[in-house]
Structures are given as structure tokens and as C-alpha cells.
Amino acid sequence: MTRYVRYSTDRTAPPTLTDAAGALYGILQGDTIRPVVSFFDSKPAGAAVPVSEVRLLPAACPSKIVCVGRNYVEHAKEMGNEVPTEPLIFLKPPSSLVADGDGVVYPSLTANLHYEAELGLIIGRRARKIDAANWRDYVWGYTCVNDVTARDLQRKDGQWTRGKGFDTFCPVGRWAVPAGEVEFESMRVEAYLDEKCVQSAPVTDMIFKPGAVLAYITQFLTLEPGDLIATGTPSGVGPMQAGSKVRVVVSGVGAVENPIVSE
């Protein structure tokens, strides 16, 4: 498994650091990183650097984070909603990104903060009005996503921007794996709350598979290289408290773990 990372030599760099502002790319090999040009160009870009001397960033630098709601039947049911007849799409802002190990802030504006374990797709080329059958031509790789949600605000507002969009509400794995190295049908999405498994389902349980999702999204929105698609969460979502830790695991891909911290 090839583990591509984004990193900064400034260990105080924010998780939202962009490529233009100095984020670098590499391939993680044990305790070192072999620098490369980008996820999309694996040409060497310098001497190897120790992981201990850098700040690992979220394994995505998207212009937008496009999410799919209610994409597992049992999750739709547990939320008291009808099963969608077409993909339910919403956006999270890039400012919500945090890296593995960073704190997820429990805002004072909510009293019901939930985890949502998801498979993330990283787009590898511009996509507009694509055919569902060709989705693999546009997905460069996979990573792990926690679609953190202020459930009470989501329900109160009637739309999801505030409930899904706080700073720190999108933890993303520390590495990404090229799609060609993982069989989609073999993956399973899980969440662990303080080491207890609270979500677990195969990605084949998705109502709308990646092809249908990308075909739907690209009918109205152009996806750019690096954009992140969060493909929906299985059943078992629930509240978390300050002091807890949540780990999202995607088999064959990796994990992202974050502590929940008070505002």
C-alpha cells in the first residue's frame, strides 16, 4: 500500500495549509517521507525527511468538500428519514479540515455533537458531466473522513451549513491511498468511540455508489483535482463528549483519530 501524505516543515502550520502557502507532498515509508511533486506526479522532489521533523496535514487540499447525506439505508432509518431516491448533496467548507491527532472542538453553540465515519474520495482530474461507468477515471485515491455534525443545529436550521461547517468538523486521514491499489468492494467503514466500535458496514451497503454520486454531482458542479467527496455514513451515529476520542477506520486505507476538546 502506497501512503501519500501532505506535510509542512513548519510543525506549527495550520491543518488548512494550502499548496500555494507551502504544503508539500510525499510518500510515507516507515519513519521517513520521500518527497514527490504531488499526489498526481510521483517524481522525486528532494531528499527524504524524518516524519518527526514535519507536520502531517490532512490528506486532501480541496477547493470544496462535497458530501452525501443518508447514503446508507439503516442510517436514513435511524435518523427517522425516508431513504433518498437520488443523492442528497451538501458542502462542508475547507476551513473545517483538521488532521489526524488534532482536536475536534465541541462548540458552545451545540449540545449534541455526533461522529460520522465515512470513506473519502480524492478527485484526480477535472470532472464535469461524467458517465457513472467511468468514475474510476476521475478518482485518484481514498482516505478517511469524520463528518462531525452538531445534530441539534442541523435539525433546528433545516439546512446543514452551520451544523456541519464549524472549524474542526472535518477530520481527514493523515495519508491517502491510490484508488488502483484498493478494491472498492473490499472496503469497510468503522468508527470507534473511546475504543468501542459504534459503526461498521461494508461500502457496498451504500445506496448510491461512487459512480452514481459523481455522475449526479458533476451534472451541476465541476470537480477539480484535489476535491474531496465524503460518501456518507452507515448506521450507529451518536453523541460524543469533550474528553473522548473518535477513530474512523476504512479497511485497506487507514484511519483518522481525534480527541474531542472543549471550546
Protein backbone atom coordinates (compact mmCIF):
# COMPACT_ATOMS: atom_id res chain seq x y z
CA MET A 1 0.00 0.00 0.00
CA THR A 2 1.47 3.34 -1.06
CA ARG A 3 0.74 6.03 1.53
CA TYR A 4 0.77 9.54 0.10
CA VAL A 5 0.94 12.42 2.58
CA ARG A 6 0.77 16.18 2.65
CA TYR A 7 3.10 17.86 5.12
CA SER A 8 4.80 21.05 6.21
CA THR A 9 8.29 21.61 7.55
CA ASP A 10 6.68 24.16 9.89
CA ARG A 11 5.33 22.00 12.71
CA THR A 12 3.00 24.83 13.77
CA ALA A 13 1.35 25.04 10.32
CA PRO A 14 -2.47 25.06 10.33
CA PRO A 15 -4.25 21.95 9.00
CA THR A 16 -5.81 24.12 6.28
CA LEU A 17 -2.39 25.00 4.82
CA THR A 18 -2.73 25.12 1.04
CA ASP A 19 -0.27 24.08 -1.64
CA ALA A 20 0.27 27.71 -2.59
CA ALA A 21 1.11 28.55 1.02
CA GLY A 22 3.79 25.90 1.31
CA ALA A 23 2.24 22.45 1.78
CA LEU A 24 4.43 19.65 0.42
CA TYR A 25 3.76 16.11 -0.83
CA GLY A 26 5.49 12.83 -0.22
CA ILE A 27 5.26 9.07 0.15
CA LEU A 28 5.42 7.76 3.70
CA GLN A 29 7.94 4.97 4.10
CA GLY A 30 8.28 3.89 7.71
CA ASP A 31 9.58 6.82 9.73
CA THR A 32 10.56 8.91 6.71
CA ILE A 33 8.90 10.76 3.87
CA ARG A 34 10.16 10.62 0.30
CA PRO A 35 9.14 13.98 -1.23
CA VAL A 36 7.28 13.93 -4.55
CA VAL A 37 5.85 16.66 -6.77
CA SER A 38 2.20 15.93 -5.87
CA PHE A 39 -0.35 13.16 -5.48
CA PHE A 40 -0.69 13.27 -9.24
CA ASP A 41 3.03 13.34 -10.05
CA SER A 42 5.27 10.94 -8.13
CA LYS A 43 8.55 12.33 -9.48
CA PRO A 44 11.12 12.79 -6.67
CA ALA A 45 11.21 16.29 -5.22
CA GLY A 46 14.11 16.25 -2.79
CA ALA A 47 15.85 14.23 -0.10
CA ALA A 48 13.94 12.07 2.38
CA VAL A 49 12.88 13.76 5.62
CA PRO A 50 12.08 12.22 9.03
CA VAL A 51 8.39 12.24 9.95
CA SER A 52 9.41 13.53 13.39
CA GLU A 53 10.59 16.79 11.82
CA VAL A 54 7.42 17.71 9.93
CA ARG A 55 3.74 18.41 10.50
CA LEU A 56 1.46 15.92 8.72
CA LEU A 57 -1.52 17.69 7.19
CA PRO A 58 -4.93 16.33 6.15
CA ALA A 59 -4.51 14.10 3.10
CA ALA A 60 -6.60 16.43 0.97
CA CYS A 61 -6.39 20.06 -0.08
CA PRO A 62 -9.82 20.54 -1.65
CA SER A 63 -11.33 23.61 -3.22
CA LYS A 64 -14.56 22.10 -1.89
CA ILE A 65 -15.72 19.21 0.27
CA VAL A 66 -18.82 17.62 -1.28
CA CYS A 67 -20.77 15.29 0.99
CA VAL A 68 -23.51 12.72 0.52
CA GLY A 69 -26.25 12.54 3.14
CA ARG A 70 -28.26 9.46 4.11
CA ASN A 71 -26.34 7.17 1.76
CA TYR A 72 -26.87 4.01 3.84
CA VAL A 73 -30.39 2.64 4.32
CA GLU A 74 -30.06 1.92 8.04
CA HIS A 75 -28.62 5.37 8.75
CA ALA A 76 -31.54 7.04 6.97
CA LYS A 77 -33.91 4.96 9.10
CA GLU A 78 -32.13 5.68 12.40
CA MET A 79 -32.47 9.41 11.68
CA GLY A 80 -36.20 9.00 11.04
CA ASN A 81 -35.92 9.88 7.36
CA GLU A 82 -37.06 8.33 4.12
CA VAL A 83 -34.46 6.57 2.02
CA PRO A 84 -33.42 9.06 -0.70
CA THR A 85 -34.34 8.40 -4.30
CA GLU A 86 -31.37 10.43 -5.55
CA PRO A 87 -28.12 11.54 -3.86
CA LEU A 88 -28.60 14.15 -1.14
CA ILE A 89 -25.69 16.58 -1.53
CA PHE A 90 -24.31 19.24 0.81
CA LEU A 91 -20.99 21.06 1.27
CA LYS A 92 -18.54 21.46 4.13
CA PRO A 93 -16.07 24.37 3.95
CA PRO A 94 -12.33 23.69 3.62
CA SER A 95 -11.92 25.67 6.85
CA SER A 96 -13.47 22.68 8.68
CA LEU A 97 -10.44 20.47 7.92
CA VAL A 98 -8.26 19.07 10.68
CA ALA A 99 -5.53 16.44 10.61
CA ASP A 100 -5.13 13.16 12.42
CA GLY A 101 -4.47 13.86 16.10
CA ASP A 102 -5.81 17.41 16.04
CA GLY A 103 -8.58 18.35 18.45
CA VAL A 104 -12.21 18.50 17.33
CA VAL A 105 -13.70 21.45 19.17
CA TYR A 106 -17.04 20.94 20.91
CA PRO A 107 -18.71 24.32 20.25
CA SER A 108 -20.69 26.03 22.97
CA LEU A 109 -23.49 26.55 20.43
CA THR A 110 -24.36 22.83 20.39
CA ALA A 111 -25.38 20.27 22.99
CA ASN A 112 -25.40 17.25 20.68
CA LEU A 113 -22.16 16.66 18.77
CA HIS A 114 -22.02 13.49 16.63
CA TYR A 115 -19.36 11.46 14.82
CA GLU A 116 -19.98 10.14 11.29
CA ALA A 117 -17.42 7.74 9.81
CA GLU A 118 -17.04 7.96 6.02
CA LEU A 119 -14.94 6.91 3.07
CA GLY A 120 -13.41 9.90 1.29
CA LEU A 121 -12.72 10.08 -2.44
CA ILE A 122 -9.96 12.39 -3.69
CA ILE A 123 -10.59 13.66 -7.21
CA GLY A 124 -7.67 13.35 -9.62
CA ARG A 125 -8.83 15.25 -12.70
CA ARG A 126 -11.39 17.84 -13.65
CA ALA A 127 -14.83 16.23 -13.81
CA ARG A 128 -17.89 17.69 -15.49
CA LYS A 129 -20.98 15.72 -16.61
CA ILE A 130 -19.25 12.38 -16.38
CA ASP A 131 -20.66 8.94 -17.09
CA ALA A 132 -21.18 6.85 -13.94
CA ALA A 133 -19.41 3.88 -15.50
CA ASN A 134 -16.21 5.95 -15.83
CA TRP A 135 -15.95 7.12 -12.22
CA ARG A 136 -12.61 5.37 -11.64
CA ASP A 137 -11.06 7.61 -14.30
CA TYR A 138 -11.67 10.60 -12.00
CA VAL A 139 -10.95 9.27 -8.52
CA TRP A 140 -7.24 9.41 -7.71
CA GLY A 141 -7.42 7.91 -4.23
CA TYR A 142 -9.15 7.15 -0.95
CA THR A 143 -8.86 8.49 2.59
CA CYS A 144 -10.84 8.54 5.86
CA VAL A 145 -13.28 11.27 6.87
CA ASN A 146 -15.22 12.08 10.04
CA ASP A 147 -18.23 14.22 9.07
CA VAL A 148 -18.63 15.80 12.53
CA THR A 149 -22.13 17.15 12.99
CA ALA A 150 -23.90 19.39 15.51
CA ARG A 151 -27.10 17.36 15.28
CA ASP A 152 -29.31 19.80 17.17
CA LEU A 153 -28.28 22.71 14.93
CA GLN A 154 -28.74 20.59 11.80
CA ARG A 155 -32.31 19.84 12.83
CA LYS A 156 -33.04 23.36 14.06
CA ASP A 157 -31.80 25.14 10.94
CA GLY A 158 -33.48 22.92 8.37
CA GLN A 159 -30.35 23.14 6.24
CA TRP A 160 -26.95 21.84 7.17
CA THR A 161 -24.35 24.56 6.68
CA ARG A 162 -23.99 25.53 10.33
CA GLY A 163 -24.45 22.06 11.80
CA LYS A 164 -21.78 20.59 9.52
CA GLY A 165 -19.49 23.55 8.91
CA PHE A 166 -17.76 24.56 12.14
CA ASP A 167 -13.97 24.79 12.19
CA THR A 168 -12.53 21.31 13.04
CA PHE A 169 -15.68 19.48 11.83
CA CYS A 170 -13.87 17.57 9.05
CA PRO A 171 -11.04 15.35 10.31
CA VAL A 172 -9.26 13.67 7.37
CA GLY A 173 -6.73 10.84 7.45
CA ARG A 174 -3.00 11.55 7.51
CA TRP A 175 -2.50 9.68 4.25
CA ALA A 176 -4.29 8.75 1.06
CA VAL A 177 -4.03 5.52 -0.90
CA PRO A 178 -4.22 5.44 -4.72
CA ALA A 179 -7.54 4.01 -5.85
CA GLY A 180 -5.83 1.46 -8.07
CA GLU A 181 -4.30 -0.20 -5.01
CA VAL A 182 -7.59 -0.86 -3.20
CA GLU A 183 -10.60 -2.80 -4.44
CA PHE A 184 -13.61 -0.62 -3.71
CA GLU A 185 -15.88 -3.55 -2.91
CA SER A 186 -13.46 -4.83 -0.22
CA MET A 187 -13.60 -1.75 2.00
CA ARG A 188 -15.43 -1.40 5.29
CA VAL A 189 -16.15 1.81 7.22
CA GLU A 190 -15.96 1.78 11.02
CA ALA A 191 -15.99 4.24 13.91
CA TYR A 192 -14.64 3.72 17.41
CA LEU A 193 -15.69 5.92 20.32
CA ASP A 194 -13.21 5.52 23.17
CA GLU A 195 -12.17 2.16 21.66
CA LYS A 196 -15.74 0.83 21.40
CA CYS A 197 -16.86 0.02 17.85
CA VAL A 198 -20.01 2.05 17.22
CA GLN A 199 -20.26 1.94 13.41
CA SER A 200 -19.35 -0.83 10.99
CA ALA A 201 -20.58 -1.52 7.47
CA PRO A 202 -19.19 -2.50 4.06
CA VAL A 203 -19.10 0.27 1.49
CA THR A 204 -21.18 -1.99 -0.75
CA ASP A 205 -24.12 -1.06 1.52
CA MET A 206 -24.10 2.45 0.03
CA ILE A 207 -27.38 3.32 -1.66
CA PHE A 208 -25.53 5.37 -4.27
CA LYS A 209 -22.12 4.03 -5.22
CA PRO A 210 -19.30 6.38 -6.32
CA GLY A 211 -20.28 6.25 -9.98
CA ALA A 212 -23.82 7.40 -9.30
CA VAL A 213 -22.61 10.04 -6.84
CA LEU A 214 -20.04 11.55 -9.20
CA ALA A 215 -22.38 11.47 -12.18
CA TYR A 216 -25.03 13.29 -10.12
CA ILE A 217 -22.66 15.90 -8.66
CA THR A 218 -20.97 16.71 -11.95
CA GLN A 219 -24.27 17.47 -13.64
CA PHE A 220 -24.32 20.78 -11.74
CA LEU A 221 -20.84 21.25 -10.27
CA THR A 222 -17.35 20.92 -11.70
CA LEU A 223 -14.99 18.88 -9.56
CA GLU A 224 -11.33 19.88 -9.58
CA PRO A 225 -8.21 17.81 -8.81
CA GLY A 226 -7.84 17.53 -5.04
CA ASP A 227 -11.52 17.95 -4.26
CA LEU A 228 -12.83 15.67 -1.52
CA ILE A 229 -16.06 13.65 -1.68
CA ALA A 230 -17.40 12.28 1.63
CA THR A 231 -19.57 9.35 0.60
CA GLY A 232 -21.96 9.06 3.55
CA THR A 233 -22.04 7.30 6.90
CA PRO A 234 -23.51 3.97 8.00
CA SER A 235 -25.84 3.50 10.95
CA GLY A 236 -24.62 3.88 14.52
CA VAL A 237 -24.00 7.62 14.65
CA GLY A 238 -24.23 9.12 18.10
CA PRO A 239 -23.05 11.74 20.55
CA MET A 240 -19.51 12.30 21.76
CA GLN A 241 -18.26 14.39 24.65
CA ALA A 242 -15.23 16.53 25.40
CA GLY A 243 -12.51 14.20 26.64
CA SER A 244 -13.46 11.37 24.28
CA LYS A 245 -11.52 10.10 21.27
CA VAL A 246 -13.05 9.06 17.97
CA ARG A 247 -11.26 6.92 15.41
CA VAL A 248 -12.58 6.39 11.88
CA VAL A 249 -11.16 3.36 10.09
CA VAL A 250 -11.50 2.37 6.44
CA SER A 251 -10.10 -1.10 5.81
CA GLY A 252 -7.33 -1.13 3.25
CA VAL A 253 -6.94 2.64 3.54
CA GLY A 254 -6.14 3.75 7.08
CA ALA A 255 -7.59 5.69 9.99
CA VAL A 256 -8.06 9.14 11.47
CA GLU A 257 -8.26 9.63 15.23
CA ASN A 258 -9.05 12.85 17.07
CA PRO A 259 -9.70 13.93 20.64
CA ILE A 260 -12.81 15.96 21.41
CA VAL A 261 -11.87 19.16 23.22
CA SER A 262 -13.85 21.92 24.90
CA GLU A 263 -14.15 25.27 23.18
